[in-house]
Amino acid sequence: SIQSLFNGSIFKNCEMNNSDFSKSDFEGTIWTNLFVDNCFFKSC
């Protein structure tokens, strides 16, 4: 999901595995119990 907007979103009890979120916008998000493995957040 390159160059996508996730502003203000809530991630609760989630997993992000082997994914690419480069150039995406996560401003103001809430991450609670979020597990991240092998993900790209280049220039986010």
Full PDB file with SEQRES, HELIX, SHEET, SSBOND, CRYST1, ORIGX, SCALE, CONECT and MASTER records, all heavy atoms in Angstrom:
SEQRES   1 A   44  SER ILE GLN SER LEU PHE ASN GLY SER ILE PHE LYS ASN          
SEQRES   2 A   44  CYS GLU MET ASN ASN SER ASP PHE SER LYS SER ASP PHE          
SEQRES   3 A   44  GLU GLY THR ILE TRP THR ASN LEU PHE VAL ASP ASN CYS          
SEQRES   4 A   44  PHE PHE LYS SER CYS                                          
SHEET    1 AA1 2 ILE A  10  LYS A  12  0                                        
SHEET    2 AA1 2 ILE A  30  THR A  32  1                                        
SHEET    1 AA2 2 GLU A  15  ASN A  17  0                                        
SHEET    2 AA2 2 PHE A  35  ASP A  37  1                                        
CRYST1    1.000    1.000    1.000  90.00  90.00  90.00 P 1           1          
ORIGX1      1.000000  0.000000  0.000000        0.00000                         
ORIGX2      0.000000  1.000000  0.000000        0.00000                         
ORIGX3      0.000000  0.000000  1.000000        0.00000                         
SCALE1      1.000000  0.000000  0.000000        0.00000                         
SCALE2      0.000000  1.000000  0.000000        0.00000                         
SCALE3      0.000000  0.000000  1.000000        0.00000                         
ATOM      1  N   SER A   1       0.863  -1.179   0.000  1.00  0.00           N  
ATOM      2  CA  SER A   1       0.000   0.000   0.000  1.00  0.00           C  
ATOM      3  C   SER A   1       0.899   1.228   0.000  1.00  0.00           C  
ATOM      4  O   SER A   1       1.101   1.883   1.021  1.00  0.00           O  
ATOM      5  CB  SER A   1      -0.911  -0.006   1.224  1.00  0.00           C  
ATOM      6  OG  SER A   1      -1.826   1.048   1.132  1.00  0.00           O  
ATOM      7  N   ILE A   2       1.477   1.516  -1.149  1.00  0.00           N  
ATOM      8  CA  ILE A   2       2.416   2.619  -1.284  1.00  0.00           C  
ATOM      9  C   ILE A   2       1.654   3.912  -1.527  1.00  0.00           C  
ATOM     10  O   ILE A   2       0.707   3.956  -2.306  1.00  0.00           O  
ATOM     11  CB  ILE A   2       3.420   2.330  -2.421  1.00  0.00           C  
ATOM     12  CG1 ILE A   2       4.250   1.097  -2.037  1.00  0.00           C  
ATOM     13  CG2 ILE A   2       4.308   3.529  -2.698  1.00  0.00           C  
ATOM     14  CD1 ILE A   2       5.174   0.599  -3.105  1.00  0.00           C  
ATOM     15  N   GLN A   3       2.063   4.952  -0.833  1.00  0.00           N  
ATOM     16  CA  GLN A   3       1.490   6.291  -0.929  1.00  0.00           C  
ATOM     17  C   GLN A   3       0.001   6.303  -0.588  1.00  0.00           C  
ATOM     18  O   GLN A   3      -0.805   6.940  -1.252  1.00  0.00           O  
ATOM     19  CB  GLN A   3       1.731   6.871  -2.320  1.00  0.00           C  
ATOM     20  CG  GLN A   3       2.396   8.204  -2.269  1.00  0.00           C  
ATOM     21  CD  GLN A   3       2.835   8.701  -3.632  1.00  0.00           C  
ATOM     22  OE1 GLN A   3       2.811   7.978  -4.625  1.00  0.00           O  
ATOM     23  NE2 GLN A   3       3.251   9.945  -3.670  1.00  0.00           N  
ATOM     24  N   SER A   4      -0.341   5.610   0.488  1.00  0.00           N  
ATOM     25  CA  SER A   4      -1.731   5.596   0.951  1.00  0.00           C  
ATOM     26  C   SER A   4      -1.864   6.407   2.231  1.00  0.00           C  
ATOM     27  O   SER A   4      -0.885   6.723   2.889  1.00  0.00           O  
ATOM     28  CB  SER A   4      -2.187   4.149   1.192  1.00  0.00           C  
ATOM     29  OG  SER A   4      -2.262   3.465  -0.031  1.00  0.00           O  
ATOM     30  N   LEU A   5      -3.091   6.743   2.586  1.00  0.00           N  
ATOM     31  CA  LEU A   5      -3.369   7.541   3.777  1.00  0.00           C  
ATOM     32  C   LEU A   5      -4.066   6.683   4.829  1.00  0.00           C  
ATOM     33  O   LEU A   5      -5.133   6.137   4.575  1.00  0.00           O  
ATOM     34  CB  LEU A   5      -4.256   8.728   3.422  1.00  0.00           C  
ATOM     35  CG  LEU A   5      -3.708   9.713   2.403  1.00  0.00           C  
ATOM     36  CD1 LEU A   5      -4.763  10.743   2.046  1.00  0.00           C  
ATOM     37  CD2 LEU A   5      -2.456  10.377   2.919  1.00  0.00           C  
ATOM     38  N   PHE A   6      -3.452   6.590   6.013  1.00  0.00           N  
ATOM     39  CA  PHE A   6      -4.049   5.888   7.140  1.00  0.00           C  
ATOM     40  C   PHE A   6      -4.276   6.861   8.308  1.00  0.00           C  
ATOM     41  O   PHE A   6      -4.435   6.439   9.441  1.00  0.00           O  
ATOM     42  CB  PHE A   6      -3.125   4.753   7.605  1.00  0.00           C  
ATOM     43  CG  PHE A   6      -3.004   3.628   6.628  1.00  0.00           C  
ATOM     44  CD1 PHE A   6      -2.019   3.634   5.663  1.00  0.00           C  
ATOM     45  CD2 PHE A   6      -3.880   2.555   6.676  1.00  0.00           C  
ATOM     46  CE1 PHE A   6      -1.894   2.589   4.759  1.00  0.00           C  
ATOM     47  CE2 PHE A   6      -3.773   1.508   5.774  1.00  0.00           C  
ATOM     48  CZ  PHE A   6      -2.774   1.522   4.814  1.00  0.00           C  
ATOM     49  N   ASN A   7      -4.274   8.154   8.054  1.00  0.00           N  
ATOM     50  CA  ASN A   7      -4.371   9.175   9.103  1.00  0.00           C  
ATOM     51  C   ASN A   7      -5.529   8.911  10.060  1.00  0.00           C  
ATOM     52  O   ASN A   7      -6.651   8.658   9.640  1.00  0.00           O  
ATOM     53  CB  ASN A   7      -4.568  10.558   8.493  1.00  0.00           C  
ATOM     54  CG  ASN A   7      -3.411  10.979   7.634  1.00  0.00           C  
ATOM     55  OD1 ASN A   7      -2.385  10.330   7.607  1.00  0.00           O  
ATOM     56  ND2 ASN A   7      -3.589  12.067   6.915  1.00  0.00           N  
ATOM     57  N   GLY A   8      -5.234   8.994  11.353  1.00  0.00           N  
ATOM     58  CA  GLY A   8      -6.271   8.886  12.368  1.00  0.00           C  
ATOM     59  C   GLY A   8      -6.836   7.490  12.564  1.00  0.00           C  
ATOM     60  O   GLY A   8      -7.778   7.315  13.327  1.00  0.00           O  
ATOM     61  N   SER A   9      -6.287   6.493  11.909  1.00  0.00           N  
ATOM     62  CA  SER A   9      -6.809   5.131  12.042  1.00  0.00           C  
ATOM     63  C   SER A   9      -6.329   4.478  13.336  1.00  0.00           C  
ATOM     64  O   SER A   9      -5.329   4.885  13.921  1.00  0.00           O  
ATOM     65  CB  SER A   9      -6.383   4.273  10.853  1.00  0.00           C  
ATOM     66  OG  SER A   9      -7.010   4.733   9.682  1.00  0.00           O  
ATOM     67  N   ILE A  10      -7.052   3.468  13.775  1.00  0.00           N  
ATOM     68  CA  ILE A  10      -6.724   2.737  15.000  1.00  0.00           C  
ATOM     69  C   ILE A  10      -6.398   1.303  14.630  1.00  0.00           C  
ATOM     70  O   ILE A  10      -7.172   0.644  13.931  1.00  0.00           O  
ATOM     71  CB  ILE A  10      -7.901   2.778  15.991  1.00  0.00           C  
ATOM     72  CG1 ILE A  10      -8.188   4.231  16.397  1.00  0.00           C  
ATOM     73  CG2 ILE A  10      -7.611   1.908  17.206  1.00  0.00           C  
ATOM     74  CD1 ILE A  10      -9.464   4.395  17.196  1.00  0.00           C  
ATOM     75  N   PHE A  11      -5.241   0.831  15.095  1.00  0.00           N  
ATOM     76  CA  PHE A  11      -4.809  -0.544  14.888  1.00  0.00           C  
ATOM     77  C   PHE A  11      -4.718  -1.201  16.260  1.00  0.00           C  
ATOM     78  O   PHE A  11      -3.826  -0.890  17.041  1.00  0.00           O  
ATOM     79  CB  PHE A  11      -3.436  -0.589  14.206  1.00  0.00           C  
ATOM     80  CG  PHE A  11      -3.413   0.062  12.853  1.00  0.00           C  
ATOM     81  CD1 PHE A  11      -3.171   1.415  12.718  1.00  0.00           C  
ATOM     82  CD2 PHE A  11      -3.629  -0.691  11.713  1.00  0.00           C  
ATOM     83  CE1 PHE A  11      -3.136   2.017  11.471  1.00  0.00           C  
ATOM     84  CE2 PHE A  11      -3.610  -0.097  10.457  1.00  0.00           C  
ATOM     85  CZ  PHE A  11      -3.361   1.257  10.342  1.00  0.00           C  
ATOM     86  N   LYS A  12      -5.639  -2.093  16.571  1.00  0.00           N  
ATOM     87  CA  LYS A  12      -5.658  -2.736  17.883  1.00  0.00           C  
ATOM     88  C   LYS A  12      -5.605  -4.253  17.706  1.00  0.00           C  
ATOM     89  O   LYS A  12      -6.411  -4.828  16.967  1.00  0.00           O  
ATOM     90  CB  LYS A  12      -6.918  -2.356  18.658  1.00  0.00           C  
ATOM     91  CG  LYS A  12      -6.946  -2.927  20.059  1.00  0.00           C  
ATOM     92  CD  LYS A  12      -8.140  -2.423  20.837  1.00  0.00           C  
ATOM     93  CE  LYS A  12      -8.083  -3.005  22.240  1.00  0.00           C  
ATOM     94  NZ  LYS A  12      -9.174  -2.551  23.056  1.00  0.00           N  
ATOM     95  N   ASN A  13      -4.645  -4.881  18.398  1.00  0.00           N  
ATOM     96  CA  ASN A  13      -4.448  -6.338  18.320  1.00  0.00           C  
ATOM     97  C   ASN A  13      -4.264  -6.787  16.874  1.00  0.00           C  
ATOM     98  O   ASN A  13      -4.888  -7.737  16.423  1.00  0.00           O  
ATOM     99  CB  ASN A  13      -5.620  -7.094  18.958  1.00  0.00           C  
ATOM    100  CG  ASN A  13      -5.801  -6.743  20.411  1.00  0.00           C  
ATOM    101  OD1 ASN A  13      -4.834  -6.484  21.118  1.00  0.00           O  
ATOM    102  ND2 ASN A  13      -7.031  -6.699  20.860  1.00  0.00           N  
ATOM    103  N   CYS A  14      -3.401  -6.084  16.144  1.00  0.00           N  
ATOM    104  CA  CYS A  14      -3.189  -6.366  14.726  1.00  0.00           C  
ATOM    105  C   CYS A  14      -1.772  -6.869  14.463  1.00  0.00           C  
ATOM    106  O   CYS A  14      -0.888  -6.731  15.303  1.00  0.00           O  
ATOM    107  CB  CYS A  14      -3.426  -5.109  13.894  1.00  0.00           C  
ATOM    108  SG  CYS A  14      -5.124  -4.535  13.912  1.00  0.00           S  
ATOM    109  N   GLU A  15      -1.592  -7.423  13.265  1.00  0.00           N  
ATOM    110  CA  GLU A  15      -0.283  -7.866  12.799  1.00  0.00           C  
ATOM    111  C   GLU A  15      -0.046  -7.290  11.411  1.00  0.00           C  
ATOM    112  O   GLU A  15      -0.950  -7.272  10.584  1.00  0.00           O  
ATOM    113  CB  GLU A  15      -0.232  -9.389  12.691  1.00  0.00           C  
ATOM    114  CG  GLU A  15      -0.420 -10.120  13.982  1.00  0.00           C  
ATOM    115  CD  GLU A  15      -0.443 -11.628  13.785  1.00  0.00           C  
ATOM    116  OE1 GLU A  15       0.131 -12.131  12.786  1.00  0.00           O  
ATOM    117  OE2 GLU A  15      -1.054 -12.296  14.621  1.00  0.00           O  
ATOM    118  N   MET A  16       1.201  -6.846  11.180  1.00  0.00           N  
ATOM    119  CA  MET A  16       1.636  -6.428   9.848  1.00  0.00           C  
ATOM    120  C   MET A  16       2.846  -7.291   9.514  1.00  0.00           C  
ATOM    121  O   MET A  16       3.876  -7.187  10.172  1.00  0.00           O  
ATOM    122  CB  MET A  16       2.012  -4.951   9.834  1.00  0.00           C  
ATOM    123  CG  MET A  16       0.866  -4.012   9.998  1.00  0.00           C  
ATOM    124  SD  MET A  16       1.443  -2.303   9.902  1.00  0.00           S  
ATOM    125  CE  MET A  16      -0.093  -1.421  10.044  1.00  0.00           C  
ATOM    126  N   ASN A  17       2.711  -8.153   8.531  1.00  0.00           N  
ATOM    127  CA  ASN A  17       3.763  -9.096   8.173  1.00  0.00           C  
ATOM    128  C   ASN A  17       4.120  -8.988   6.700  1.00  0.00           C  
ATOM    129  O   ASN A  17       3.233  -9.012   5.845  1.00  0.00           O  
ATOM    130  CB  ASN A  17       3.305 -10.541   8.451  1.00  0.00           C  
ATOM    131  CG  ASN A  17       2.911 -10.745   9.890  1.00  0.00           C  
ATOM    132  OD1 ASN A  17       3.637 -10.415  10.798  1.00  0.00           O  
ATOM    133  ND2 ASN A  17       1.714 -11.280  10.090  1.00  0.00           N  
ATOM    134  N   ASN A  18       5.433  -8.875   6.420  1.00  0.00           N  
ATOM    135  CA  ASN A  18       5.933  -8.915   5.039  1.00  0.00           C  
ATOM    136  C   ASN A  18       5.169  -7.967   4.118  1.00  0.00           C  
ATOM    137  O   ASN A  18       4.726  -8.354   3.038  1.00  0.00           O  
ATOM    138  CB  ASN A  18       5.867 -10.348   4.494  1.00  0.00           C  
ATOM    139  CG  ASN A  18       6.620 -11.319   5.373  1.00  0.00           C  
ATOM    140  OD1 ASN A  18       7.783 -11.098   5.691  1.00  0.00           O  
ATOM    141  ND2 ASN A  18       5.959 -12.380   5.792  1.00  0.00           N  
ATOM    142  N   SER A  19       5.009  -6.737   4.552  1.00  0.00           N  
ATOM    143  CA  SER A  19       4.233  -5.764   3.785  1.00  0.00           C  
ATOM    144  C   SER A  19       5.047  -4.502   3.517  1.00  0.00           C  
ATOM    145  O   SER A  19       6.040  -4.235   4.196  1.00  0.00           O  
ATOM    146  CB  SER A  19       2.957  -5.393   4.545  1.00  0.00           C  
ATOM    147  OG  SER A  19       2.128  -6.526   4.699  1.00  0.00           O  
ATOM    148  N   ASP A  20       4.621  -3.732   2.538  1.00  0.00           N  
ATOM    149  CA  ASP A  20       5.301  -2.492   2.157  1.00  0.00           C  
ATOM    150  C   ASP A  20       4.305  -1.335   2.227  1.00  0.00           C  
ATOM    151  O   ASP A  20       3.335  -1.289   1.473  1.00  0.00           O  
ATOM    152  CB  ASP A  20       5.866  -2.620   0.744  1.00  0.00           C  
ATOM    153  CG  ASP A  20       6.737  -1.449   0.345  1.00  0.00           C  
ATOM    154  OD1 ASP A  20       6.853  -0.472   1.118  1.00  0.00           O  
ATOM    155  OD2 ASP A  20       7.318  -1.516  -0.746  1.00  0.00           O  
ATOM    156  N   PHE A  21       4.572  -0.400   3.149  1.00  0.00           N  
ATOM    157  CA  PHE A  21       3.728   0.785   3.318  1.00  0.00           C  
ATOM    158  C   PHE A  21       4.514   2.055   2.990  1.00  0.00           C  
ATOM    159  O   PHE A  21       4.217   3.125   3.501  1.00  0.00           O  
ATOM    160  CB  PHE A  21       3.211   0.864   4.757  1.00  0.00           C  
ATOM    161  CG  PHE A  21       2.321  -0.282   5.136  1.00  0.00           C  
ATOM    162  CD1 PHE A  21       2.815  -1.339   5.874  1.00  0.00           C  
ATOM    163  CD2 PHE A  21       0.996  -0.315   4.741  1.00  0.00           C  
ATOM    164  CE1 PHE A  21       2.004  -2.405   6.222  1.00  0.00           C  
ATOM    165  CE2 PHE A  21       0.175  -1.375   5.079  1.00  0.00           C  
ATOM    166  CZ  PHE A  21       0.681  -2.426   5.821  1.00  0.00           C  
ATOM    167  N   SER A  22       5.539   1.938   2.138  1.00  0.00           N  
ATOM    168  CA  SER A  22       6.412   3.064   1.813  1.00  0.00           C  
ATOM    169  C   SER A  22       5.616   4.276   1.318  1.00  0.00           C  
ATOM    170  O   SER A  22       4.622   4.138   0.606  1.00  0.00           O  
ATOM    171  CB  SER A  22       7.431   2.654   0.748  1.00  0.00           C  
ATOM    172  OG  SER A  22       8.279   1.653   1.248  1.00  0.00           O  
ATOM    173  N   LYS A  23       6.075   5.446   1.733  1.00  0.00           N  
ATOM    174  CA  LYS A  23       5.491   6.740   1.361  1.00  0.00           C  
ATOM    175  C   LYS A  23       4.051   6.909   1.823  1.00  0.00           C  
ATOM    176  O   LYS A  23       3.340   7.790   1.345  1.00  0.00           O  
ATOM    177  CB  LYS A  23       5.594   6.980  -0.146  1.00  0.00           C  
ATOM    178  CG  LYS A  23       7.017   7.023  -0.654  1.00  0.00           C  
ATOM    179  CD  LYS A  23       7.064   7.295  -2.139  1.00  0.00           C  
ATOM    180  CE  LYS A  23       8.492   7.288  -2.628  1.00  0.00           C  
ATOM    181  NZ  LYS A  23       8.569   7.458  -4.084  1.00  0.00           N  
ATOM    182  N   SER A  24       3.600   6.065   2.743  1.00  0.00           N  
ATOM    183  CA  SER A  24       2.238   6.207   3.271  1.00  0.00           C  
ATOM    184  C   SER A  24       2.225   7.150   4.464  1.00  0.00           C  
ATOM    185  O   SER A  24       3.253   7.434   5.068  1.00  0.00           O  
ATOM    186  CB  SER A  24       1.680   4.836   3.674  1.00  0.00           C  
ATOM    187  OG  SER A  24       1.452   4.042   2.529  1.00  0.00           O  
ATOM    188  N   ASP A  25       1.062   7.625   4.811  1.00  0.00           N  
ATOM    189  CA  ASP A  25       0.898   8.603   5.884  1.00  0.00           C  
ATOM    190  C   ASP A  25       0.144   7.955   7.050  1.00  0.00           C  
ATOM    191  O   ASP A  25      -0.996   7.539   6.898  1.00  0.00           O  
ATOM    192  CB  ASP A  25       0.121   9.797   5.342  1.00  0.00           C  
ATOM    193  CG  ASP A  25       0.138  10.984   6.264  1.00  0.00           C  
ATOM    194  OD1 ASP A  25       0.516  10.823   7.442  1.00  0.00           O  
ATOM    195  OD2 ASP A  25      -0.228  12.081   5.819  1.00  0.00           O  
ATOM    196  N   PHE A  26       0.815   7.858   8.200  1.00  0.00           N  
ATOM    197  CA  PHE A  26       0.226   7.274   9.405  1.00  0.00           C  
ATOM    198  C   PHE A  26       0.068   8.330  10.503  1.00  0.00           C  
ATOM    199  O   PHE A  26       0.006   8.000  11.675  1.00  0.00           O  
ATOM    200  CB  PHE A  26       1.116   6.145   9.935  1.00  0.00           C  
ATOM    201  CG  PHE A  26       1.096   4.908   9.090  1.00  0.00           C  
ATOM    202  CD1 PHE A  26       1.980   4.753   8.043  1.00  0.00           C  
ATOM    203  CD2 PHE A  26       0.184   3.900   9.338  1.00  0.00           C  
ATOM    204  CE1 PHE A  26       1.972   3.611   7.264  1.00  0.00           C  
ATOM    205  CE2 PHE A  26       0.163   2.746   8.563  1.00  0.00           C  
ATOM    206  CZ  PHE A  26       1.061   2.606   7.528  1.00  0.00           C  
ATOM    207  N   GLU A  27      -0.002   9.583  10.143  1.00  0.00           N  
ATOM    208  CA  GLU A  27      -0.058  10.654  11.135  1.00  0.00           C  
ATOM    209  C   GLU A  27      -1.299  10.526  12.009  1.00  0.00           C  
ATOM    210  O   GLU A  27      -2.421  10.342  11.535  1.00  0.00           O  
ATOM    211  CB  GLU A  27      -0.068  12.011  10.441  1.00  0.00           C  
ATOM    212  CG  GLU A  27      -0.028  13.163  11.411  1.00  0.00           C  
ATOM    213  CD  GLU A  27       0.082  14.502  10.713  1.00  0.00           C  
ATOM    214  OE1 GLU A  27       0.321  14.546   9.501  1.00  0.00           O  
ATOM    215  OE2 GLU A  27      -0.083  15.512  11.402  1.00  0.00           O  
ATOM    216  N   GLY A  28      -1.088  10.595  13.325  1.00  0.00           N  
ATOM    217  CA  GLY A  28      -2.192  10.580  14.281  1.00  0.00           C  
ATOM    218  C   GLY A  28      -2.846   9.226  14.482  1.00  0.00           C  
ATOM    219  O   GLY A  28      -3.933   9.144  15.030  1.00  0.00           O  
ATOM    220  N   THR A  29      -2.193   8.154  14.053  1.00  0.00           N  
ATOM    221  CA  THR A  29      -2.772   6.822  14.253  1.00  0.00           C  
ATOM    222  C   THR A  29      -2.519   6.324  15.668  1.00  0.00           C  
ATOM    223  O   THR A  29      -1.607   6.777  16.342  1.00  0.00           O  
ATOM    224  CB  THR A  29      -2.194   5.797  13.256  1.00  0.00           C  
ATOM    225  OG1 THR A  29      -0.783   5.779  13.373  1.00  0.00           O  
ATOM    226  CG2 THR A  29      -2.590   6.119  11.833  1.00  0.00           C  
ATOM    227  N   ILE A  30      -3.335   5.412  16.107  1.00  0.00           N  
ATOM    228  CA  ILE A  30      -3.173   4.781  17.416  1.00  0.00           C  
ATOM    229  C   ILE A  30      -2.823   3.322  17.175  1.00  0.00           C  
ATOM    230  O   ILE A  30      -3.568   2.605  16.503  1.00  0.00           O  
ATOM    231  CB  ILE A  30      -4.474   4.869  18.255  1.00  0.00           C  
ATOM    232  CG1 ILE A  30      -4.931   6.320  18.411  1.00  0.00           C  
ATOM    233  CG2 ILE A  30      -4.292   4.184  19.602  1.00  0.00           C  
ATOM    234  CD1 ILE A  30      -4.016   7.195  19.230  1.00  0.00           C  
ATOM    235  N   TRP A  31      -1.680   2.897  17.706  1.00  0.00           N  
ATOM    236  CA  TRP A  31      -1.219   1.518  17.563  1.00  0.00           C  
ATOM    237  C   TRP A  31      -1.216   0.871  18.941  1.00  0.00           C  
ATOM    238  O   TRP A  31      -0.408   1.212  19.790  1.00  0.00           O  
ATOM    239  CB  TRP A  31       0.181   1.460  16.980  1.00  0.00           C  
ATOM    240  CG  TRP A  31       0.313   1.991  15.583  1.00  0.00           C  
ATOM    241  CD1 TRP A  31      -0.672   2.526  14.813  1.00  0.00           C  
ATOM    242  CD2 TRP A  31       1.501   2.034  14.799  1.00  0.00           C  
ATOM    243  NE1 TRP A  31      -0.162   2.896  13.591  1.00  0.00           N  
ATOM    244  CE2 TRP A  31       1.159   2.613  13.559  1.00  0.00           C  
ATOM    245  CE3 TRP A  31       2.815   1.655  15.026  1.00  0.00           C  
ATOM    246  CZ2 TRP A  31       2.088   2.807  12.547  1.00  0.00           C  
ATOM    247  CZ3 TRP A  31       3.745   1.854  14.015  1.00  0.00           C  
ATOM    248  CH2 TRP A  31       3.378   2.411  12.790  1.00  0.00           C  
ATOM    249  N   THR A  32      -2.113  -0.058  19.181  1.00  0.00           N  
ATOM    250  CA  THR A  32      -2.198  -0.747  20.460  1.00  0.00           C  
ATOM    251  C   THR A  32      -2.036  -2.241  20.226  1.00  0.00           C  
ATOM    252  O   THR A  32      -2.823  -2.840  19.505  1.00  0.00           O  
ATOM    253  CB  THR A  32      -3.559  -0.484  21.138  1.00  0.00           C  
ATOM    254  OG1 THR A  32      -3.756   0.924  21.242  1.00  0.00           O  
ATOM    255  CG2 THR A  32      -3.613  -1.097  22.518  1.00  0.00           C  
ATOM    256  N   ASN A  33      -1.009  -2.812  20.846  1.00  0.00           N  
ATOM    257  CA  ASN A  33      -0.737  -4.240  20.704  1.00  0.00           C  
ATOM    258  C   ASN A  33      -0.604  -4.616  19.230  1.00  0.00           C  
ATOM    259  O   ASN A  33      -1.220  -5.573  18.755  1.00  0.00           O  
ATOM    260  CB  ASN A  33      -1.824  -5.068  21.392  1.00  0.00           C  
ATOM    261  CG  ASN A  33      -1.318  -6.435  21.790  1.00  0.00           C  
ATOM    262  OD1 ASN A  33      -0.122  -6.630  21.951  1.00  0.00           O  
ATOM    263  ND2 ASN A  33      -2.218  -7.377  21.941  1.00  0.00           N  
ATOM    264  N   LEU A  34       0.195  -3.842  18.510  1.00  0.00           N  
ATOM    265  CA  LEU A  34       0.441  -4.059  17.085  1.00  0.00           C  
ATOM    266  C   LEU A  34       1.792  -4.739  16.920  1.00  0.00           C  
ATOM    267  O   LEU A  34       2.800  -4.250  17.414  1.00  0.00           O  
ATOM    268  CB  LEU A  34       0.433  -2.728  16.332  1.00  0.00           C  
ATOM    269  CG  LEU A  34       0.853  -2.770  14.868  1.00  0.00           C  
ATOM    270  CD1 LEU A  34      -0.195  -3.511  14.041  1.00  0.00           C  
ATOM    271  CD2 LEU A  34       1.028  -1.354  14.339  1.00  0.00           C  
ATOM    272  N   PHE A  35       1.820  -5.864  16.229  1.00  0.00           N  
ATOM    273  CA  PHE A  35       3.054  -6.589  15.959  1.00  0.00           C  
ATOM    274  C   PHE A  35       3.444  -6.345  14.508  1.00  0.00           C  
ATOM    275  O   PHE A  35       2.639  -6.552  13.602  1.00  0.00           O  
ATOM    276  CB  PHE A  35       2.865  -8.088  16.208  1.00  0.00           C  
ATOM    277  CG  PHE A  35       4.087  -8.889  15.913  1.00  0.00           C  
ATOM    278  CD1 PHE A  35       5.148  -8.904  16.800  1.00  0.00           C  
ATOM    279  CD2 PHE A  35       4.184  -9.620  14.744  1.00  0.00           C  
ATOM    280  CE1 PHE A  35       6.292  -9.630  16.535  1.00  0.00           C  
ATOM    281  CE2 PHE A  35       5.319 -10.351  14.464  1.00  0.00           C  
ATOM    282  CZ  PHE A  35       6.373 -10.358  15.354  1.00  0.00           C  
ATOM    283  N   VAL A  36       4.694  -5.890  14.294  1.00  0.00           N  
ATOM    284  CA  VAL A  36       5.186  -5.588  12.954  1.00  0.00           C  
ATOM    285  C   VAL A  36       6.390  -6.472  12.674  1.00  0.00           C  
ATOM    286  O   VAL A  36       7.342  -6.502  13.452  1.00  0.00           O  
ATOM    287  CB  VAL A  36       5.579  -4.099  12.829  1.00  0.00           C  
ATOM    288  CG1 VAL A  36       6.130  -3.804  11.453  1.00  0.00           C  
ATOM    289  CG2 VAL A  36       4.395  -3.208  13.138  1.00  0.00           C  
ATOM    290  N   ASP A  37       6.350  -7.209  11.549  1.00  0.00           N  
ATOM    291  CA  ASP A  37       7.450  -8.095  11.185  1.00  0.00           C  
ATOM    292  C   ASP A  37       7.758  -7.952   9.701  1.00  0.00           C  
ATOM    293  O   ASP A  37       6.882  -8.156   8.856  1.00  0.00           O  
ATOM    294  CB  ASP A  37       7.080  -9.551  11.508  1.00  0.00           C  
ATOM    295  CG  ASP A  37       8.206 -10.523  11.203  1.00  0.00           C  
ATOM    296  OD1 ASP A  37       9.377 -10.188  11.473  1.00  0.00           O  
ATOM    297  OD2 ASP A  37       7.898 -11.618  10.694  1.00  0.00           O  
ATOM    298  N   ASN A  38       9.021  -7.589   9.406  1.00  0.00           N  
ATOM    299  CA  ASN A  38       9.510  -7.507   8.033  1.00  0.00           C  
ATOM    300  C   ASN A  38       8.635  -6.610   7.151  1.00  0.00           C  
ATOM    301  O   ASN A  38       8.164  -7.014   6.085  1.00  0.00           O  
ATOM    302  CB  ASN A  38       9.633  -8.906   7.423  1.00  0.00           C  
ATOM    303  CG  ASN A  38      10.490  -8.898   6.170  1.00  0.00           C  
ATOM    304  OD1 ASN A  38      11.404  -8.100   6.050  1.00  0.00           O  
ATOM    305  ND2 ASN A  38      10.171  -9.780   5.233  1.00  0.00           N  
ATOM    306  N   CYS A  39       8.413  -5.383   7.612  1.00  0.00           N  
ATOM    307  CA  CYS A  39       7.611  -4.419   6.854  1.00  0.00           C  
ATOM    308  C   CYS A  39       8.469  -3.205   6.502  1.00  0.00           C  
ATOM    309  O   CYS A  39       9.396  -2.857   7.218  1.00  0.00           O  
ATOM    310  CB  CYS A  39       6.411  -3.970   7.672  1.00  0.00           C  
ATOM    311  SG  CYS A  39       5.195  -5.263   7.901  1.00  0.00           S  
ATOM    312  N   PHE A  40       8.143  -2.563   5.391  1.00  0.00           N  
ATOM    313  CA  PHE A  40       8.839  -1.373   4.949  1.00  0.00           C  
ATOM    314  C   PHE A  40       7.959  -0.149   5.204  1.00  0.00           C  
ATOM    315  O   PHE A  40       6.783  -0.135   4.844  1.00  0.00           O  
ATOM    316  CB  PHE A  40       9.165  -1.451   3.455  1.00  0.00           C  
ATOM    317  CG  PHE A  40      10.170  -2.515   3.130  1.00  0.00           C  
ATOM    318  CD1 PHE A  40       9.753  -3.750   2.687  1.00  0.00           C  
ATOM    319  CD2 PHE A  40      11.527  -2.271   3.277  1.00  0.00           C  
ATOM    320  CE1 PHE A  40      10.665  -4.743   2.394  1.00  0.00           C  
ATOM    321  CE2 PHE A  40      12.451  -3.256   2.986  1.00  0.00           C  
ATOM    322  CZ  PHE A  40      12.024  -4.503   2.542  1.00  0.00           C  
ATOM    323  N   PHE A  41       8.576   0.869   5.830  1.00  0.00           N  
ATOM    324  CA  PHE A  41       7.912   2.143   6.080  1.00  0.00           C  
ATOM    325  C   PHE A  41       8.817   3.263   5.550  1.00  0.00           C  
ATOM    326  O   PHE A  41       8.984   4.292   6.176  1.00  0.00           O  
ATOM    327  CB  PHE A  41       7.665   2.346   7.580  1.00  0.00           C  
ATOM    328  CG  PHE A  41       6.666   1.387   8.158  1.00  0.00           C  
ATOM    329  CD1 PHE A  41       7.063   0.195   8.729  1.00  0.00           C  
ATOM    330  CD2 PHE A  41       5.320   1.685   8.135  1.00  0.00           C  
ATOM    331  CE1 PHE A  41       6.143  -0.686   9.259  1.00  0.00           C  
ATOM    332  CE2 PHE A  41       4.390   0.827   8.666  1.00  0.00           C  
ATOM    333  CZ  PHE A  41       4.801  -0.375   9.229  1.00  0.00           C  
ATOM    334  N   LYS A  42       9.409   3.065   4.381  1.00  0.00           N  
ATOM    335  CA  LYS A  42      10.362   4.009   3.820  1.00  0.00           C  
ATOM    336  C   LYS A  42       9.661   5.321   3.464  1.00  0.00           C  
ATOM    337  O   LYS A  42       8.638   5.328   2.780  1.00  0.00           O  
ATOM    338  CB  LYS A  42      11.014   3.405   2.584  1.00  0.00           C  
ATOM    339  CG  LYS A  42      12.090   4.262   1.990  1.00  0.00           C  
ATOM    340  CD  LYS A  42      12.737   3.576   0.812  1.00  0.00           C  
ATOM    341  CE  LYS A  42      13.796   4.476   0.206  1.00  0.00           C  
ATOM    342  NZ  LYS A  42      14.391   3.859  -0.976  1.00  0.00           N  
ATOM    343  N   SER A  43      10.215   6.410   3.954  1.00  0.00           N  
ATOM    344  CA  SER A  43       9.708   7.762   3.682  1.00  0.00           C  
ATOM    345  C   SER A  43       8.256   7.950   4.103  1.00  0.00           C  
ATOM    346  O   SER A  43       7.477   8.633   3.437  1.00  0.00           O  
ATOM    347  CB  SER A  43       9.861   8.114   2.191  1.00  0.00           C  
ATOM    348  OG  SER A  43      11.210   8.062   1.812  1.00  0.00           O  
ATOM    349  N   CYS A  44       7.874   7.333   5.206  1.00  0.00           N  
ATOM    350  CA  CYS A  44       6.500   7.475   5.725  1.00  0.00           C  
ATOM    351  C   CYS A  44       6.392   8.672   6.663  1.00  0.00           C  
ATOM    352  O   CYS A  44       7.366   9.086   7.281  1.00  0.00           O  
ATOM    353  CB  CYS A  44       6.090   6.224   6.505  1.00  0.00           C  
ATOM    354  SG  CYS A  44       5.659   4.847   5.468  1.00  0.00           S  
TER     355      CYS A  44                                                      
MASTER        0    0    0    0    4    0    0    6  354    1    0    4          
END                                                                             
